[in-house]
PDB file of N, CA and C in Angstrom:
ATOM      1  N   MET A   1     -17.299   0.367  10.852  1.00  0.00           N
ATOM      2  CA  MET A   1     -17.816   0.770   9.560  1.00  0.00           C
ATOM      3  C   MET A   1     -18.940  -0.151   9.101  1.00  0.00           C
ATOM      4  N   PHE A   2     -18.780  -1.443   9.332  1.00  0.00           N
ATOM      5  CA  PHE A   2     -19.758  -2.403   8.838  1.00  0.00           C
ATOM      6  C   PHE A   2     -20.795  -2.790   9.888  1.00  0.00           C
ATOM      7  N   SER A   3     -20.684  -2.264  11.085  1.00  0.00           N
ATOM      8  CA  SER A   3     -21.575  -2.679  12.167  1.00  0.00           C
ATOM      9  C   SER A   3     -23.026  -2.266  11.928  1.00  0.00           C
ATOM     10  N   LYS A   4     -23.269  -1.199  11.194  1.00  0.00           N
ATOM     11  CA  LYS A   4     -24.630  -0.718  10.986  1.00  0.00           C
ATOM     12  C   LYS A   4     -25.182  -1.082   9.614  1.00  0.00           C
ATOM     13  N   VAL A   5     -24.449  -1.936   8.902  1.00  0.00           N
ATOM     14  CA  VAL A   5     -24.849  -2.323   7.557  1.00  0.00           C
ATOM     15  C   VAL A   5     -25.204  -3.807   7.571  1.00  0.00           C
ATOM     16  N   HIS A   6     -26.331  -4.144   6.981  1.00  0.00           N
ATOM     17  CA  HIS A   6     -26.693  -5.557   6.861  1.00  0.00           C
ATOM     18  C   HIS A   6     -25.684  -6.224   5.929  1.00  0.00           C
ATOM     19  N   GLN A   7     -25.297  -7.445   6.280  1.00  0.00           N
ATOM     20  CA  GLN A   7     -24.227  -8.122   5.551  1.00  0.00           C
ATOM     21  C   GLN A   7     -24.500  -8.237   4.055  1.00  0.00           C
ATOM     22  N   ARG A   8     -25.735  -8.368   3.671  1.00  0.00           N
ATOM     23  CA  ARG A   8     -26.071  -8.492   2.237  1.00  0.00           C
ATOM     24  C   ARG A   8     -25.925  -7.160   1.494  1.00  0.00           C
ATOM     25  N   ASN A   9     -25.831  -6.063   2.238  1.00  0.00           N
ATOM     26  CA  ASN A   9     -25.724  -4.743   1.610  1.00  0.00           C
ATOM     27  C   ASN A   9     -24.283  -4.255   1.484  1.00  0.00           C
ATOM     28  N   ILE A  10     -23.324  -5.073   1.887  1.00  0.00           N
ATOM     29  CA  ILE A  10     -21.913  -4.684   1.776  1.00  0.00           C
ATOM     30  C   ILE A  10     -21.511  -4.708   0.298  1.00  0.00           C
ATOM     31  N   THR A  11     -20.882  -3.626  -0.134  1.00  0.00           N
ATOM     32  CA  THR A  11     -20.496  -3.501  -1.539  1.00  0.00           C
ATOM     33  C   THR A  11     -18.983  -3.395  -1.665  1.00  0.00           C
ATOM     34  N   VAL A  12     -18.513  -3.573  -2.875  1.00  0.00           N
ATOM     35  CA  VAL A  12     -17.088  -3.428  -3.164  1.00  0.00           C
ATOM     36  C   VAL A  12     -16.633  -2.013  -2.828  1.00  0.00           C
ATOM     37  N   GLU A  13     -17.470  -1.030  -3.126  1.00  0.00           N
ATOM     38  CA  GLU A  13     -17.125   0.365  -2.853  1.00  0.00           C
ATOM     39  C   GLU A  13     -16.940   0.603  -1.361  1.00  0.00           C
ATOM     40  N   MET A  14     -17.792  -0.027  -0.559  1.00  0.00           N
ATOM     41  CA  MET A  14     -17.674   0.117   0.893  1.00  0.00           C
ATOM     42  C   MET A  14     -16.353  -0.474   1.385  1.00  0.00           C
ATOM     43  N   VAL A  15     -15.997  -1.623   0.861  1.00  0.00           N
ATOM     44  CA  VAL A  15     -14.744  -2.271   1.263  1.00  0.00           C
ATOM     45  C   VAL A  15     -13.560  -1.428   0.802  1.00  0.00           C
ATOM     46  N   ASP A  16     -13.645  -0.874  -0.411  1.00  0.00           N
ATOM     47  CA  ASP A  16     -12.565  -0.009  -0.903  1.00  0.00           C
ATOM     48  C   ASP A  16     -12.417   1.244  -0.040  1.00  0.00           C
ATOM     49  N   ASP A  17     -13.540   1.843   0.353  1.00  0.00           N
ATOM     50  CA  ASP A  17     -13.492   3.013   1.242  1.00  0.00           C
ATOM     51  C   ASP A  17     -12.878   2.640   2.591  1.00  0.00           C
ATOM     52  N   TYR A  18     -13.261   1.483   3.102  1.00  0.00           N
ATOM     53  CA  TYR A  18     -12.713   0.992   4.363  1.00  0.00           C
ATOM     54  C   TYR A  18     -11.203   0.811   4.256  1.00  0.00           C
ATOM     55  N   THR A  19     -10.758   0.228   3.146  1.00  0.00           N
ATOM     56  CA  THR A  19      -9.325   0.029   2.906  1.00  0.00           C
ATOM     57  C   THR A  19      -8.600   1.368   2.877  1.00  0.00           C
ATOM     58  N   THR A  20      -9.169   2.322   2.167  1.00  0.00           N
ATOM     59  CA  THR A  20      -8.563   3.655   2.076  1.00  0.00           C
ATOM     60  C   THR A  20      -8.487   4.312   3.448  1.00  0.00           C
ATOM     61  N   ASN A  21      -9.549   4.188   4.240  1.00  0.00           N
ATOM     62  CA  ASN A  21      -9.558   4.759   5.593  1.00  0.00           C
ATOM     63  C   ASN A  21      -8.481   4.124   6.472  1.00  0.00           C
ATOM     64  N   LEU A  22      -8.327   2.808   6.373  1.00  0.00           N
ATOM     65  CA  LEU A  22      -7.302   2.128   7.164  1.00  0.00           C
ATOM     66  C   LEU A  22      -5.904   2.605   6.773  1.00  0.00           C
ATOM     67  N   LEU A  23      -5.666   2.707   5.478  1.00  0.00           N
ATOM     68  CA  LEU A  23      -4.345   3.155   5.011  1.00  0.00           C
ATOM     69  C   LEU A  23      -4.085   4.608   5.410  1.00  0.00           C
ATOM     70  N   ASN A  24      -5.118   5.449   5.316  1.00  0.00           N
ATOM     71  CA  ASN A  24      -4.966   6.871   5.673  1.00  0.00           C
ATOM     72  C   ASN A  24      -4.819   7.080   7.173  1.00  0.00           C
ATOM     73  N   SER A  25      -5.252   6.096   7.965  1.00  0.00           N
ATOM     74  CA  SER A  25      -5.129   6.222   9.416  1.00  0.00           C
ATOM     75  C   SER A  25      -3.707   5.937   9.892  1.00  0.00           C
ATOM     76  N   GLY A  26      -2.854   5.502   8.982  1.00  0.00           N
ATOM     77  CA  GLY A  26      -1.460   5.277   9.340  1.00  0.00           C
ATOM     78  C   GLY A  26      -1.067   3.815   9.460  1.00  0.00           C
ATOM     79  N   LEU A  27      -2.005   2.907   9.255  1.00  0.00           N
ATOM     80  CA  LEU A  27      -1.657   1.492   9.302  1.00  0.00           C
ATOM     81  C   LEU A  27      -0.779   1.121   8.113  1.00  0.00           C
ATOM     82  N   LEU A  28       0.122   0.217   8.342  1.00  0.00           N
ATOM     83  CA  LEU A  28       0.975  -0.266   7.262  1.00  0.00           C
ATOM     84  C   LEU A  28       0.163  -1.149   6.320  1.00  0.00           C
ATOM     85  N   PRO A  29       0.527  -1.166   5.038  1.00  0.00           N
ATOM     86  CA  PRO A  29      -0.200  -2.012   4.082  1.00  0.00           C
ATOM     87  C   PRO A  29      -0.289  -3.475   4.507  1.00  0.00           C
ATOM     88  N   LYS A  30       0.725  -4.007   5.165  1.00  0.00           N
ATOM     89  CA  LYS A  30       0.698  -5.399   5.621  1.00  0.00           C
ATOM     90  C   LYS A  30      -0.403  -5.597   6.658  1.00  0.00           C
ATOM     91  N   ALA A  31      -0.551  -4.656   7.587  1.00  0.00           N
ATOM     92  CA  ALA A  31      -1.603  -4.753   8.600  1.00  0.00           C
ATOM     93  C   ALA A  31      -2.980  -4.651   7.955  1.00  0.00           C
ATOM     94  N   VAL A  32      -3.126  -3.760   6.991  1.00  0.00           N
ATOM     95  CA  VAL A  32      -4.396  -3.600   6.284  1.00  0.00           C
ATOM     96  C   VAL A  32      -4.720  -4.879   5.513  1.00  0.00           C
ATOM     97  N   LYS A  33      -3.706  -5.463   4.891  1.00  0.00           N
ATOM     98  CA  LYS A  33      -3.905  -6.714   4.155  1.00  0.00           C
ATOM     99  C   LYS A  33      -4.372  -7.826   5.098  1.00  0.00           C
ATOM    100  N   ASP A  34      -3.805  -7.889   6.288  1.00  0.00           N
ATOM    101  CA  ASP A  34      -4.220  -8.889   7.275  1.00  0.00           C
ATOM    102  C   ASP A  34      -5.683  -8.680   7.683  1.00  0.00           C
ATOM    103  N   ILE A  35      -6.068  -7.433   7.901  1.00  0.00           N
ATOM    104  CA  ILE A  35      -7.458  -7.119   8.271  1.00  0.00           C
ATOM    105  C   ILE A  35      -8.405  -7.515   7.149  1.00  0.00           C
ATOM    106  N   LEU A  36      -8.021  -7.203   5.922  1.00  0.00           N
ATOM    107  CA  LEU A  36      -8.875  -7.532   4.776  1.00  0.00           C
ATOM    108  C   LEU A  36      -8.968  -9.035   4.551  1.00  0.00           C
ATOM    109  N   THR A  37      -7.919  -9.759   4.881  1.00  0.00           N
ATOM    110  CA  THR A  37      -7.955 -11.218   4.770  1.00  0.00           C
ATOM    111  C   THR A  37      -8.992 -11.796   5.724  1.00  0.00           C
ATOM    112  N   VAL A  38      -9.028 -11.275   6.949  1.00  0.00           N
ATOM    113  CA  VAL A  38     -10.036 -11.712   7.919  1.00  0.00           C
ATOM    114  C   VAL A  38     -11.433 -11.333   7.427  1.00  0.00           C
ATOM    115  N   LEU A  39     -11.600 -10.119   6.921  1.00  0.00           N
ATOM    116  CA  LEU A  39     -12.887  -9.678   6.395  1.00  0.00           C
ATOM    117  C   LEU A  39     -13.338 -10.580   5.249  1.00  0.00           C
ATOM    118  N   LYS A  40     -12.406 -10.922   4.388  1.00  0.00           N
ATOM    119  CA  LYS A  40     -12.722 -11.790   3.246  1.00  0.00           C
ATOM    120  C   LYS A  40     -13.223 -13.162   3.729  1.00  0.00           C
ATOM    121  N   GLN A  41     -12.602 -13.698   4.761  1.00  0.00           N
ATOM    122  CA  GLN A  41     -13.038 -14.985   5.311  1.00  0.00           C
ATOM    123  C   GLN A  41     -14.426 -14.874   5.945  1.00  0.00           C
ATOM    124  N   ILE A  42     -14.688 -13.763   6.629  1.00  0.00           N
ATOM    125  CA  ILE A  42     -16.004 -13.543   7.233  1.00  0.00           C
ATOM    126  C   ILE A  42     -17.070 -13.486   6.142  1.00  0.00           C
ATOM    127  N   LEU A  43     -16.788 -12.748   5.077  1.00  0.00           N
ATOM    128  CA  LEU A  43     -17.746 -12.641   3.975  1.00  0.00           C
ATOM    129  C   LEU A  43     -17.940 -13.989   3.287  1.00  0.00           C
ATOM    130  N   LYS A  44     -16.886 -14.769   3.201  1.00  0.00           N
ATOM    131  CA  LYS A  44     -16.982 -16.092   2.590  1.00  0.00           C
ATOM    132  C   LYS A  44     -17.900 -16.996   3.413  1.00  0.00           C
ATOM    133  N   ILE A  45     -17.748 -16.953   4.730  1.00  0.00           N
ATOM    134  CA  ILE A  45     -18.605 -17.752   5.614  1.00  0.00           C
ATOM    135  C   ILE A  45     -20.066 -17.314   5.479  1.00  0.00           C
ATOM    136  N   ALA A  46     -20.269 -16.006   5.309  1.00  0.00           N
ATOM    137  CA  ALA A  46     -21.624 -15.471   5.143  1.00  0.00           C
ATOM    138  C   ALA A  46     -22.132 -15.660   3.718  1.00  0.00           C
ATOM    139  N   GLN A  47     -21.336 -16.313   2.885  1.00  0.00           N
ATOM    140  CA  GLN A  47     -21.663 -16.584   1.481  1.00  0.00           C
ATOM    141  C   GLN A  47     -21.917 -15.305   0.689  1.00  0.00           C
ATOM    142  N   ILE A  48     -21.054 -14.324   0.950  1.00  0.00           N
ATOM    143  CA  ILE A  48     -21.090 -13.066   0.211  1.00  0.00           C
ATOM    144  C   ILE A  48     -19.813 -13.010  -0.615  1.00  0.00           C
ATOM    145  N   ASN A  49     -19.966 -13.014  -1.926  1.00  0.00           N
ATOM    146  CA  ASN A  49     -18.814 -13.056  -2.817  1.00  0.00           C
ATOM    147  C   ASN A  49     -18.502 -11.651  -3.325  1.00  0.00           C
ATOM    148  N   ILE A  50     -17.545 -11.023  -2.659  1.00  0.00           N
ATOM    149  CA  ILE A  50     -17.098  -9.683  -3.048  1.00  0.00           C
ATOM    150  C   ILE A  50     -15.605  -9.757  -3.350  1.00  0.00           C
ATOM    151  N   GLU A  51     -15.220  -9.172  -4.456  1.00  0.00           N
ATOM    152  CA  GLU A  51     -13.803  -9.136  -4.827  1.00  0.00           C
ATOM    153  C   GLU A  51     -13.122  -8.021  -4.035  1.00  0.00           C
ATOM    154  N   ILE A  52     -12.225  -8.415  -3.139  1.00  0.00           N
ATOM    155  CA  ILE A  52     -11.519  -7.448  -2.303  1.00  0.00           C
ATOM    156  C   ILE A  52     -10.136  -7.216  -2.881  1.00  0.00           C
ATOM    157  N   THR A  53      -9.832  -5.956  -3.143  1.00  0.00           N
ATOM    158  CA  THR A  53      -8.520  -5.587  -3.667  1.00  0.00           C
ATOM    159  C   THR A  53      -7.575  -5.345  -2.503  1.00  0.00           C
ATOM    160  N   MET A  54      -6.519  -6.130  -2.457  1.00  0.00           N
ATOM    161  CA  MET A  54      -5.538  -6.007  -1.384  1.00  0.00           C
ATOM    162  C   MET A  54      -4.559  -4.878  -1.708  1.00  0.00           C
ATOM    163  N   PRO A  55      -4.113  -4.143  -0.685  1.00  0.00           N
ATOM    164  CA  PRO A  55      -3.125  -3.086  -0.940  1.00  0.00           C
ATOM    165  C   PRO A  55      -1.795  -3.697  -1.351  1.00  0.00           C
ATOM    166  N   ARG A  56      -1.078  -2.976  -2.155  1.00  0.00           N
ATOM    167  CA  ARG A  56       0.231  -3.441  -2.601  1.00  0.00           C
ATOM    168  C   ARG A  56       1.250  -3.211  -1.497  1.00  0.00           C
ATOM    169  N   ILE A  57       2.051  -4.221  -1.284  1.00  0.00           N
ATOM    170  CA  ILE A  57       3.116  -4.124  -0.290  1.00  0.00           C
ATOM    171  C   ILE A  57       4.421  -3.952  -1.047  1.00  0.00           C
ATOM    172  N   LEU A  58       5.019  -2.787  -0.864  1.00  0.00           N
ATOM    173  CA  LEU A  58       6.267  -2.490  -1.564  1.00  0.00           C
ATOM    174  C   LEU A  58       7.428  -3.208  -0.893  1.00  0.00           C
ATOM    175  N   LYS A  59       8.243  -3.801  -1.705  1.00  0.00           N
ATOM    176  CA  LYS A  59       9.431  -4.473  -1.191  1.00  0.00           C
ATOM    177  C   LYS A  59      10.530  -3.438  -0.981  1.00  0.00           C
ATOM    178  N   CYS A  60      11.142  -3.485   0.185  1.00  0.00           N
ATOM    179  CA  CYS A  60      12.238  -2.578   0.487  1.00  0.00           C
ATOM    180  C   CYS A  60      13.534  -3.171  -0.048  1.00  0.00           C
ATOM    181  N   GLU A  61      14.362  -2.294  -0.565  1.00  0.00           N
ATOM    182  CA  GLU A  61      15.665  -2.757  -1.019  1.00  0.00           C
ATOM    183  C   GLU A  61      16.543  -2.965   0.204  1.00  0.00           C
ATOM    184  N   ILE A  62      17.132  -4.127   0.293  1.00  0.00           N
ATOM    185  CA  ILE A  62      17.954  -4.471   1.446  1.00  0.00           C
ATOM    186  C   ILE A  62      19.384  -4.024   1.187  1.00  0.00           C
ATOM    187  N   GLU A  63      19.922  -3.313   2.150  1.00  0.00           N
ATOM    188  CA  GLU A  63      21.319  -2.886   2.058  1.00  0.00           C
ATOM    189  C   GLU A  63      22.166  -3.854   2.869  1.00  0.00           C
ATOM    190  N   ILE A  64      23.234  -4.327   2.278  1.00  0.00           N
ATOM    191  CA  ILE A  64      24.127  -5.216   3.003  1.00  0.00           C
ATOM    192  C   ILE A  64      25.449  -4.507   3.257  1.00  0.00           C
ATOM    193  N   LEU A  65      26.112  -4.924   4.314  1.00  0.00           N
ATOM    194  CA  LEU A  65      27.383  -4.315   4.679  1.00  0.00           C
ATOM    195  C   LEU A  65      28.488  -4.843   3.779  1.00  0.00           C
ATOM    196  N   SER A  66      29.428  -3.965   3.476  1.00  0.00           N
ATOM    197  CA  SER A  66      30.624  -4.423   2.766  1.00  0.00           C
ATOM    198  C   SER A  66      31.497  -5.167   3.777  1.00  0.00           C
ATOM    199  N   LYS A  67      32.495  -5.872   3.292  1.00  0.00           N
ATOM    200  CA  LYS A  67      33.401  -6.602   4.195  1.00  0.00           C
ATOM    201  C   LYS A  67      34.087  -5.646   5.170  1.00  0.00           C
ATOM    202  N   ILE A  68      34.486  -4.486   4.686  1.00  0.00           N
ATOM    203  CA  ILE A  68      35.166  -3.503   5.540  1.00  0.00           C
ATOM    204  C   ILE A  68      34.200  -2.994   6.615  1.00  0.00           C
ATOM    205  N   GLU A  69      32.952  -2.676   6.230  1.00  0.00           N
ATOM    206  CA  GLU A  69      31.960  -2.211   7.196  1.00  0.00           C
ATOM    207  C   GLU A  69      31.668  -3.298   8.234  1.00  0.00           C
ATOM    208  N   GLN A  70      31.601  -4.535   7.784  1.00  0.00           N
ATOM    209  CA  GLN A  70      31.339  -5.646   8.691  1.00  0.00           C
ATOM    210  C   GLN A  70      32.479  -5.814   9.694  1.00  0.00           C
ATOM    211  N   GLN A  71      33.713  -5.669   9.218  1.00  0.00           N
ATOM    212  CA  GLN A  71      34.866  -5.794  10.114  1.00  0.00           C
ATOM    213  C   GLN A  71      34.889  -4.667  11.141  1.00  0.00           C
ATOM    214  N   LYS A  72      34.565  -3.445  10.717  1.00  0.00           N
ATOM    215  CA  LYS A  72      34.517  -2.312  11.642  1.00  0.00           C
ATOM    216  C   LYS A  72      33.430  -2.516  12.695  1.00  0.00           C
ATOM    217  N   LEU A  73      32.269  -2.983  12.249  1.00  0.00           N
ATOM    218  CA  LEU A  73      31.182  -3.242  13.184  1.00  0.00           C
ATOM    219  C   LEU A  73      31.573  -4.330  14.173  1.00  0.00           C
ATOM    220  N   GLU A  74      32.228  -5.370  13.692  1.00  0.00           N
ATOM    221  CA  GLU A  74      32.663  -6.455  14.566  1.00  0.00           C
ATOM    222  C   GLU A  74      33.646  -5.955  15.619  1.00  0.00           C
ATOM    223  N   GLN A  75      34.566  -5.088  15.241  1.00  0.00           N
ATOM    224  CA  GLN A  75      35.531  -4.539  16.196  1.00  0.00           C
ATOM    225  C   GLN A  75      34.815  -3.737  17.290  1.00  0.00           C
ATOM    226  N   ILE A  76      33.840  -2.952  16.885  1.00  0.00           N
ATOM    227  CA  ILE A  76      33.083  -2.154  17.858  1.00  0.00           C
ATOM    228  C   ILE A  76      32.307  -3.059  18.800  1.00  0.00           C
ATOM    229  N   LEU A  77      31.677  -4.098  18.225  1.00  0.00           N
ATOM    230  CA  LEU A  77      30.853  -4.998  19.035  1.00  0.00           C
ATOM    231  C   LEU A  77      31.685  -5.802  20.022  1.00  0.00           C
ATOM    232  N   LEU A  78      32.871  -6.226  19.620  1.00  0.00           N
ATOM    233  CA  LEU A  78      33.709  -7.056  20.477  1.00  0.00           C
ATOM    234  C   LEU A  78      34.394  -6.253  21.581  1.00  0.00           C
ATOM    235  N   GLY A  79      34.502  -4.950  21.390  1.00  0.00           N
ATOM    236  CA  GLY A  79      35.084  -4.090  22.414  1.00  0.00           C
ATOM    237  C   GLY A  79      34.043  -3.793  23.484  1.00  0.00           C
ATOM    238  N   ASN A  80      34.350  -4.114  24.737  1.00  0.00           N
ATOM    239  CA  ASN A  80      33.443  -3.847  25.855  1.00  0.00           C
ATOM    240  C   ASN A  80      32.052  -4.458  25.607  1.00  0.00           C
ATOM    241  N   MET A  81      32.022  -5.774  25.445  1.00  0.00           N
ATOM    242  CA  MET A  81      30.804  -6.517  25.104  1.00  0.00           C
ATOM    243  C   MET A  81      29.728  -6.350  26.185  1.00  0.00           C
ATOM    244  N   ASN A  82      28.496  -6.114  25.741  1.00  0.00           N
ATOM    245  CA  ASN A  82      27.331  -6.115  26.630  1.00  0.00           C
ATOM    246  C   ASN A  82      26.213  -6.890  25.922  1.00  0.00           C
ATOM    247  N   ILE A  83      25.062  -6.990  26.550  1.00  0.00           N
ATOM    248  CA  ILE A  83      23.980  -7.816  26.008  1.00  0.00           C
ATOM    249  C   ILE A  83      23.466  -7.283  24.670  1.00  0.00           C
ATOM    250  N   GLU A  84      23.373  -5.970  24.504  1.00  0.00           N
ATOM    251  CA  GLU A  84      22.909  -5.390  23.247  1.00  0.00           C
ATOM    252  C   GLU A  84      23.900  -5.668  22.128  1.00  0.00           C
ATOM    253  N   LYS A  85      25.183  -5.465  22.427  1.00  0.00           N
ATOM    254  CA  LYS A  85      26.207  -5.709  21.414  1.00  0.00           C
ATOM    255  C   LYS A  85      26.252  -7.189  21.041  1.00  0.00           C
ATOM    256  N   PHE A  86      26.069  -8.053  22.039  1.00  0.00           N
ATOM    257  CA  PHE A  86      26.051  -9.484  21.746  1.00  0.00           C
ATOM    258  C   PHE A  86      24.884  -9.833  20.823  1.00  0.00           C
ATOM    259  N   GLY A  87      23.730  -9.232  21.052  1.00  0.00           N
ATOM    260  CA  GLY A  87      22.564  -9.475  20.201  1.00  0.00           C
ATOM    261  C   GLY A  87      22.822  -9.077  18.761  1.00  0.00           C
ATOM    262  N   ILE A  88      23.445  -7.922  18.560  1.00  0.00           N
ATOM    263  CA  ILE A  88      23.773  -7.463  17.211  1.00  0.00           C
ATOM    264  C   ILE A  88      24.814  -8.388  16.576  1.00  0.00           C
ATOM    265  N   TYR A  89      25.809  -8.789  17.360  1.00  0.00           N
ATOM    266  CA  TYR A  89      26.853  -9.699  16.874  1.00  0.00           C
ATOM    267  C   TYR A  89      26.239 -11.032  16.447  1.00  0.00           C
ATOM    268  N   LEU A  90      25.333 -11.539  17.244  1.00  0.00           N
ATOM    269  CA  LEU A  90      24.653 -12.796  16.937  1.00  0.00           C
ATOM    270  C   LEU A  90      23.883 -12.679  15.619  1.00  0.00           C
ATOM    271  N   CYS A  91      23.164 -11.578  15.458  1.00  0.00           N
ATOM    272  CA  CYS A  91      22.411 -11.366  14.217  1.00  0.00           C
ATOM    273  C   CYS A  91      23.326 -11.234  13.008  1.00  0.00           C
ATOM    274  N   LEU A  92      24.460 -10.603  13.208  1.00  0.00           N
ATOM    275  CA  LEU A  92      25.413 -10.382  12.126  1.00  0.00           C
ATOM    276  C   LEU A  92      25.896 -11.699  11.520  1.00  0.00           C
ATOM    277  N   TYR A  93      26.098 -12.693  12.360  1.00  0.00           N
ATOM    278  CA  TYR A  93      26.683 -13.946  11.875  1.00  0.00           C
ATOM    279  C   TYR A  93      25.682 -15.101  11.723  1.00  0.00           C
ATOM    280  N   THR A  94      24.451 -14.910  12.158  1.00  0.00           N
ATOM    281  CA  THR A  94      23.479 -16.002  12.012  1.00  0.00           C
ATOM    282  C   THR A  94      22.391 -15.664  10.992  1.00  0.00           C
ATOM    283  N   GLY A  95      22.285 -14.385  10.606  1.00  0.00           N
ATOM    284  CA  GLY A  95      21.252 -13.990   9.655  1.00  0.00           C
ATOM    285  C   GLY A  95      19.915 -13.710  10.295  1.00  0.00           C
ATOM    286  N   LEU A  96      19.850 -13.688  11.629  1.00  0.00           N
ATOM    287  CA  LEU A  96      18.592 -13.367  12.298  1.00  0.00           C
ATOM    288  C   LEU A  96      18.175 -11.945  11.953  1.00  0.00           C
ATOM    289  N   ARG A  97      16.868 -11.754  11.860  1.00  0.00           N
ATOM    290  CA  ARG A  97      16.327 -10.436  11.545  1.00  0.00           C
ATOM    291  C   ARG A  97      15.229 -10.092  12.533  1.00  0.00           C
ATOM    292  N   ILE A  98      15.012  -8.799  12.748  1.00  0.00           N
ATOM    293  CA  ILE A  98      13.935  -8.341  13.614  1.00  0.00           C
ATOM    294  C   ILE A  98      12.613  -8.722  12.976  1.00  0.00           C
ATOM    295  N   GLY A  99      11.731  -9.220  13.780  1.00  0.00           N
ATOM    296  CA  GLY A  99      10.405  -9.568  13.273  1.00  0.00           C
ATOM    297  C   GLY A  99      10.240 -11.037  13.112  1.00  0.00           C
TER     298      GLY A  99
END
């Protein structure tokens, strides 16, 4: 998008359109925010002061297991243990999360 535009001609509207295009292409807001952070640093180095609006990242509500659900899951995991079940069991008791 910016390859054919001279750096001094970059506008807030162009960056906003770019942000909208990234979000509409299916990228997650976190990925778009990371891209815009890099763009902001590039513009800063080029001494171009443009206010970039970052996309809002919605916080997901975390669901936790009840004690009964945790006990049922533990029984399933301990029965016929394999590497996948061990991984889930490890996460259950250590607080490890994907990512």
